[in-house]
């Protein structure tokens, strides 16, 4: 799976809020807070996916660890 394919599978911010509401993982009173907080402040610059079959991180050889 390529990075482009992963991006297509990820919901946008509004869609993610709706999915969380529909799943009962986010209550309606928390929706304004969810919408106001920028998740970029909490995510690392680089995230390597976990391969459950091989029990290892999938390292992208085209990337390097952030300094």
PDB file of N, CA and C in Angstrom:
ATOM      1  N   UNK A   1       0.842  -1.169   0.000  1.00  0.00           N
ATOM      2  CA  UNK A   1       0.000   0.000   0.000  1.00  0.00           C
ATOM      3  C   UNK A   1       0.892   1.238   0.000  1.00  0.00           C
ATOM      4  N   UNK A   2       0.603   2.174  -0.858  1.00  0.00           N
ATOM      5  CA  UNK A   2       1.433   3.367  -0.963  1.00  0.00           C
ATOM      6  C   UNK A   2       0.916   4.465  -0.052  1.00  0.00           C
ATOM      7  N   UNK A   3       1.728   5.478   0.127  1.00  0.00           N
ATOM      8  CA  UNK A   3       1.324   6.613   0.957  1.00  0.00           C
ATOM      9  C   UNK A   3       0.072   7.258   0.388  1.00  0.00           C
ATOM     10  N   UNK A   4      -0.004   7.380  -0.933  1.00  0.00           N
ATOM     11  CA  UNK A   4      -1.184   7.952  -1.566  1.00  0.00           C
ATOM     12  C   UNK A   4      -2.436   7.152  -1.251  1.00  0.00           C
ATOM     13  N   UNK A   5      -2.325   5.833  -1.274  1.00  0.00           N
ATOM     14  CA  UNK A   5      -3.474   4.979  -0.958  1.00  0.00           C
ATOM     15  C   UNK A   5      -3.886   5.145   0.492  1.00  0.00           C
ATOM     16  N   UNK A   6      -2.921   5.281   1.393  1.00  0.00           N
ATOM     17  CA  UNK A   6      -3.253   5.494   2.799  1.00  0.00           C
ATOM     18  C   UNK A   6      -3.991   6.799   2.983  1.00  0.00           C
ATOM     19  N   UNK A   7      -3.560   7.836   2.279  1.00  0.00           N
ATOM     20  CA  UNK A   7      -4.193   9.140   2.410  1.00  0.00           C
ATOM     21  C   UNK A   7      -5.655   9.077   1.978  1.00  0.00           C
ATOM     22  N   UNK A   8      -5.955   8.340   0.928  1.00  0.00           N
ATOM     23  CA  UNK A   8      -7.318   8.225   0.431  1.00  0.00           C
ATOM     24  C   UNK A   8      -8.202   7.512   1.447  1.00  0.00           C
ATOM     25  N   UNK A   9      -7.661   6.547   2.175  1.00  0.00           N
ATOM     26  CA  UNK A   9      -8.444   5.778   3.128  1.00  0.00           C
ATOM     27  C   UNK A   9      -8.726   6.543   4.421  1.00  0.00           C
ATOM     28  N   UNK A  10      -7.988   7.598   4.696  1.00  0.00           N
ATOM     29  CA  UNK A  10      -8.161   8.345   5.934  1.00  0.00           C
ATOM     30  C   UNK A  10      -9.262   9.384   5.772  1.00  0.00           C
ATOM     31  N   UNK A  11     -10.189   9.433   6.720  1.00  0.00           N
ATOM     32  CA  UNK A  11     -11.245  10.446   6.606  1.00  0.00           C
ATOM     33  C   UNK A  11     -10.691  11.837   6.919  1.00  0.00           C
ATOM     34  N   UNK A  12     -11.317  12.847   6.347  1.00  0.00           N
ATOM     35  CA  UNK A  12     -10.970  14.222   6.682  1.00  0.00           C
ATOM     36  C   UNK A  12     -11.431  14.531   8.100  1.00  0.00           C
ATOM     37  N   UNK A  13     -11.093  15.713   8.550  1.00  0.00           N
ATOM     38  CA  UNK A  13     -11.393  16.107   9.934  1.00  0.00           C
ATOM     39  C   UNK A  13     -12.894  16.077  10.235  1.00  0.00           C
ATOM     40  N   UNK A  14     -13.712  16.653   9.348  1.00  0.00           N
ATOM     41  CA  UNK A  14     -15.160  16.667   9.558  1.00  0.00           C
ATOM     42  C   UNK A  14     -15.728  15.247   9.513  1.00  0.00           C
ATOM     43  N   UNK A  15     -15.250  14.449   8.544  1.00  0.00           N
ATOM     44  CA  UNK A  15     -15.726  13.067   8.420  1.00  0.00           C
ATOM     45  C   UNK A  15     -15.328  12.250   9.645  1.00  0.00           C
ATOM     46  N   UNK A  16     -14.120  12.487  10.160  1.00  0.00           N
ATOM     47  CA  UNK A  16     -13.682  11.770  11.358  1.00  0.00           C
ATOM     48  C   UNK A  16     -14.575  12.121  12.549  1.00  0.00           C
ATOM     49  N   UNK A  17     -14.926  13.384  12.691  1.00  0.00           N
ATOM     50  CA  UNK A  17     -15.838  13.790  13.766  1.00  0.00           C
ATOM     51  C   UNK A  17     -17.178  13.076  13.665  1.00  0.00           C
ATOM     52  N   UNK A  18     -17.708  12.992  12.448  1.00  0.00           N
ATOM     53  CA  UNK A  18     -18.988  12.292  12.252  1.00  0.00           C
ATOM     54  C   UNK A  18     -18.859  10.808  12.560  1.00  0.00           C
ATOM     55  N   UNK A  19     -17.755  10.200  12.124  1.00  0.00           N
ATOM     56  CA  UNK A  19     -17.538   8.775  12.403  1.00  0.00           C
ATOM     57  C   UNK A  19     -17.461   8.519  13.912  1.00  0.00           C
ATOM     58  N   UNK A  20     -16.749   9.376  14.619  1.00  0.00           N
ATOM     59  CA  UNK A  20     -16.628   9.214  16.067  1.00  0.00           C
ATOM     60  C   UNK A  20     -17.966   9.410  16.763  1.00  0.00           C
ATOM     61  N   UNK A  21     -18.749  10.379  16.296  1.00  0.00           N
ATOM     62  CA  UNK A  21     -20.093  10.587  16.852  1.00  0.00           C
ATOM     63  C   UNK A  21     -20.977   9.368  16.603  1.00  0.00           C
ATOM     64  N   UNK A  22     -20.994   8.897  15.361  1.00  0.00           N
ATOM     65  CA  UNK A  22     -21.821   7.740  14.998  1.00  0.00           C
ATOM     66  C   UNK A  22     -21.435   6.487  15.764  1.00  0.00           C
ATOM     67  N   UNK A  23     -20.140   6.339  16.061  1.00  0.00           N
ATOM     68  CA  UNK A  23     -19.657   5.160  16.780  1.00  0.00           C
ATOM     69  C   UNK A  23     -19.868   5.275  18.283  1.00  0.00           C
ATOM     70  N   UNK A  24     -20.262   6.452  18.756  1.00  0.00           N
ATOM     71  CA  UNK A  24     -20.445   6.652  20.189  1.00  0.00           C
ATOM     72  C   UNK A  24     -19.135   6.925  20.920  1.00  0.00           C
ATOM     73  N   UNK A  25     -18.059   7.142  20.165  1.00  0.00           N
ATOM     74  CA  UNK A  25     -16.756   7.406  20.783  1.00  0.00           C
ATOM     75  C   UNK A  25     -16.587   8.876  21.142  1.00  0.00           C
ATOM     76  N   UNK A  26     -17.456   9.734  20.612  1.00  0.00           N
ATOM     77  CA  UNK A  26     -17.410  11.168  20.882  1.00  0.00           C
ATOM     78  C   UNK A  26     -18.830  11.627  21.152  1.00  0.00           C
ATOM     79  N   UNK A  27     -19.033  12.252  22.294  1.00  0.00           N
ATOM     80  CA  UNK A  27     -20.377  12.748  22.598  1.00  0.00           C
ATOM     81  C   UNK A  27     -20.571  14.116  21.943  1.00  0.00           C
ATOM     82  N   UNK A  28     -21.809  14.470  21.615  1.00  0.00           N
ATOM     83  CA  UNK A  28     -22.072  15.729  20.907  1.00  0.00           C
ATOM     84  C   UNK A  28     -21.522  16.968  21.618  1.00  0.00           C
ATOM     85  N   UNK A  29     -21.522  16.964  22.948  1.00  0.00           N
ATOM     86  CA  UNK A  29     -21.021  18.146  23.655  1.00  0.00           C
ATOM     87  C   UNK A  29     -19.505  18.331  23.497  1.00  0.00           C
ATOM     88  N   UNK A  30     -18.792  17.274  23.104  1.00  0.00           N
ATOM     89  CA  UNK A  30     -17.345  17.375  22.892  1.00  0.00           C
ATOM     90  C   UNK A  30     -16.987  17.734  21.453  1.00  0.00           C
ATOM     91  N   UNK A  31     -17.963  17.759  20.553  1.00  0.00           N
ATOM     92  CA  UNK A  31     -17.686  18.037  19.144  1.00  0.00           C
ATOM     93  C   UNK A  31     -17.027  19.401  18.922  1.00  0.00           C
ATOM     94  N   UNK A  32     -17.473  20.484  19.591  1.00  0.00           N
ATOM     95  CA  UNK A  32     -16.782  21.769  19.391  1.00  0.00           C
ATOM     96  C   UNK A  32     -15.311  21.726  19.822  1.00  0.00           C
ATOM     97  N   UNK A  33     -15.022  20.993  20.875  1.00  0.00           N
ATOM     98  CA  UNK A  33     -13.631  20.866  21.329  1.00  0.00           C
ATOM     99  C   UNK A  33     -12.829  20.078  20.298  1.00  0.00           C
ATOM    100  N   UNK A  34     -13.396  18.988  19.818  1.00  0.00           N
ATOM    101  CA  UNK A  34     -12.739  18.180  18.789  1.00  0.00           C
ATOM    102  C   UNK A  34     -12.423  19.035  17.563  1.00  0.00           C
ATOM    103  N   UNK A  35     -13.373  19.864  17.159  1.00  0.00           N
ATOM    104  CA  UNK A  35     -13.191  20.697  15.971  1.00  0.00           C
ATOM    105  C   UNK A  35     -12.163  21.811  16.202  1.00  0.00           C
ATOM    106  N   UNK A  36     -12.041  22.284  17.435  1.00  0.00           N
ATOM    107  CA  UNK A  36     -11.165  23.418  17.728  1.00  0.00           C
ATOM    108  C   UNK A  36      -9.696  23.037  17.896  1.00  0.00           C
ATOM    109  N   UNK A  37      -9.428  21.800  18.286  1.00  0.00           N
ATOM    110  CA  UNK A  37      -8.052  21.401  18.588  1.00  0.00           C
ATOM    111  C   UNK A  37      -7.371  20.869  17.325  1.00  0.00           C
ATOM    112  N   UNK A  38      -6.241  21.455  17.002  1.00  0.00           N
ATOM    113  CA  UNK A  38      -5.471  21.020  15.837  1.00  0.00           C
ATOM    114  C   UNK A  38      -4.612  19.823  16.227  1.00  0.00           C
ATOM    115  N   UNK A  39      -4.883  18.665  15.642  1.00  0.00           N
ATOM    116  CA  UNK A  39      -4.163  17.459  15.999  1.00  0.00           C
ATOM    117  C   UNK A  39      -2.695  17.480  15.575  1.00  0.00           C
ATOM    118  N   UNK A  40      -2.335  18.368  14.679  1.00  0.00           N
ATOM    119  CA  UNK A  40      -0.924  18.467  14.281  1.00  0.00           C
ATOM    120  C   UNK A  40      -0.022  18.790  15.467  1.00  0.00           C
ATOM    121  N   UNK A  41      -0.561  19.447  16.468  1.00  0.00           N
ATOM    122  CA  UNK A  41       0.235  19.781  17.656  1.00  0.00           C
ATOM    123  C   UNK A  41       0.578  18.546  18.487  1.00  0.00           C
ATOM    124  N   UNK A  42      -0.127  17.440  18.275  1.00  0.00           N
ATOM    125  CA  UNK A  42       0.044  16.252  19.103  1.00  0.00           C
ATOM    126  C   UNK A  42       0.657  15.072  18.365  1.00  0.00           C
ATOM    127  N   UNK A  43       0.834  15.200  17.064  1.00  0.00           N
ATOM    128  CA  UNK A  43       1.351  14.092  16.271  1.00  0.00           C
ATOM    129  C   UNK A  43       2.828  14.302  15.957  1.00  0.00           C
ATOM    130  N   UNK A  44       3.595  13.218  15.942  1.00  0.00           N
ATOM    131  CA  UNK A  44       5.007  13.348  15.571  1.00  0.00           C
ATOM    132  C   UNK A  44       5.138  13.667  14.078  1.00  0.00           C
ATOM    133  N   UNK A  45       6.319  14.135  13.689  1.00  0.00           N
ATOM    134  CA  UNK A  45       6.555  14.476  12.289  1.00  0.00           C
ATOM    135  C   UNK A  45       6.509  13.256  11.385  1.00  0.00           C
ATOM    136  N   UNK A  46       6.947  12.107  11.900  1.00  0.00           N
ATOM    137  CA  UNK A  46       6.989  10.881  11.103  1.00  0.00           C
ATOM    138  C   UNK A  46       6.351   9.746  11.897  1.00  0.00           C
ATOM    139  N   UNK A  47       5.491   8.987  11.225  1.00  0.00           N
ATOM    140  CA  UNK A  47       4.865   7.811  11.846  1.00  0.00           C
ATOM    141  C   UNK A  47       5.040   6.640  10.886  1.00  0.00           C
ATOM    142  N   UNK A  48       5.692   5.591  11.354  1.00  0.00           N
ATOM    143  CA  UNK A  48       5.822   4.387  10.548  1.00  0.00           C
ATOM    144  C   UNK A  48       4.737   3.403  10.975  1.00  0.00           C
ATOM    145  N   UNK A  49       4.026   2.829  10.014  1.00  0.00           N
ATOM    146  CA  UNK A  49       2.966   1.871  10.353  1.00  0.00           C
ATOM    147  C   UNK A  49       3.532   0.568  10.917  1.00  0.00           C
ATOM    148  N   UNK A  50       2.729  -0.101  11.718  1.00  0.00           N
ATOM    149  CA  UNK A  50       3.087  -1.366  12.347  1.00  0.00           C
ATOM    150  C   UNK A  50       2.573  -2.514  11.487  1.00  0.00           C
ATOM    151  N   UNK A  51       3.442  -3.442  11.148  1.00  0.00           N
ATOM    152  CA  UNK A  51       3.074  -4.634  10.392  1.00  0.00           C
ATOM    153  C   UNK A  51       2.763  -5.731  11.398  1.00  0.00           C
ATOM    154  N   UNK A  52       1.482  -6.036  11.582  1.00  0.00           N
ATOM    155  CA  UNK A  52       1.073  -7.013  12.596  1.00  0.00           C
ATOM    156  C   UNK A  52       1.546  -8.422  12.250  1.00  0.00           C
ATOM    157  N   UNK A  53       1.596  -8.739  10.961  1.00  0.00           N
ATOM    158  CA  UNK A  53       2.021 -10.083  10.555  1.00  0.00           C
ATOM    159  C   UNK A  53       3.491 -10.334  10.898  1.00  0.00           C
ATOM    160  N   UNK A  54       4.341  -9.357  10.627  1.00  0.00           N
ATOM    161  CA  UNK A  54       5.773  -9.524  10.868  1.00  0.00           C
ATOM    162  C   UNK A  54       6.223  -8.943  12.210  1.00  0.00           C
ATOM    163  N   UNK A  55       5.286  -8.333  12.925  1.00  0.00           N
ATOM    164  CA  UNK A  55       5.581  -7.729  14.225  1.00  0.00           C
ATOM    165  C   UNK A  55       6.790  -6.803  14.157  1.00  0.00           C
ATOM    166  N   UNK A  56       6.685  -5.871  13.223  1.00  0.00           N
ATOM    167  CA  UNK A  56       7.785  -4.931  13.029  1.00  0.00           C
ATOM    168  C   UNK A  56       7.232  -3.640  12.423  1.00  0.00           C
ATOM    169  N   UNK A  57       7.980  -2.558  12.630  1.00  0.00           N
ATOM    170  CA  UNK A  57       7.616  -1.297  12.001  1.00  0.00           C
ATOM    171  C   UNK A  57       7.958  -1.371  10.528  1.00  0.00           C
ATOM    172  N   UNK A  58       7.109  -0.827   9.689  1.00  0.00           N
ATOM    173  CA  UNK A  58       7.381  -0.759   8.259  1.00  0.00           C
ATOM    174  C   UNK A  58       8.174   0.513   8.004  1.00  0.00           C
ATOM    175  N   UNK A  59       9.464   0.358   7.841  1.00  0.00           N
ATOM    176  CA  UNK A  59      10.346   1.486   7.626  1.00  0.00           C
ATOM    177  C   UNK A  59      10.338   1.858   6.150  1.00  0.00           C
ATOM    178  N   UNK A  60      10.180   3.121   5.864  1.00  0.00           N
ATOM    179  CA  UNK A  60      10.209   3.618   4.501  1.00  0.00           C
ATOM    180  C   UNK A  60      11.652   3.988   4.183  1.00  0.00           C
ATOM    181  N   UNK A  61      12.313   3.247   3.290  1.00  0.00           N
ATOM    182  CA  UNK A  61      13.732   3.511   3.022  1.00  0.00           C
ATOM    183  C   UNK A  61      13.986   4.893   2.435  1.00  0.00           C
ATOM    184  N   UNK A  62      12.964   5.541   1.913  1.00  0.00           N
ATOM    185  CA  UNK A  62      13.125   6.874   1.354  1.00  0.00           C
ATOM    186  C   UNK A  62      13.113   7.964   2.412  1.00  0.00           C
ATOM    187  N   UNK A  63      12.826   7.613   3.632  1.00  0.00           N
ATOM    188  CA  UNK A  63      12.766   8.592   4.722  1.00  0.00           C
ATOM    189  C   UNK A  63      13.889   8.363   5.706  1.00  0.00           C
ATOM    190  N   UNK A  64      14.167   9.384   6.461  1.00  0.00           N
ATOM    191  CA  UNK A  64      15.146   9.238   7.532  1.00  0.00           C
ATOM    192  C   UNK A  64      14.498   9.711   8.844  1.00  0.00           C
ATOM    193  N   UNK A  65      15.068   9.298   9.934  1.00  0.00           N
ATOM    194  CA  UNK A  65      14.544   9.718  11.234  1.00  0.00           C
ATOM    195  C   UNK A  65      14.708  11.218  11.370  1.00  0.00           C
ATOM    196  N   UNK A  66      13.702  11.895  11.934  1.00  0.00           N
ATOM    197  CA  UNK A  66      13.845  13.347  12.133  1.00  0.00           C
ATOM    198  C   UNK A  66      14.949  13.642  13.146  1.00  0.00           C
ATOM    199  N   UNK A  67      15.610  14.766  12.972  1.00  0.00           N
ATOM    200  CA  UNK A  67      16.687  15.143  13.881  1.00  0.00           C
ATOM    201  C   UNK A  67      16.226  16.222  14.837  1.00  0.00           C
TER     202      UNK A  67
END
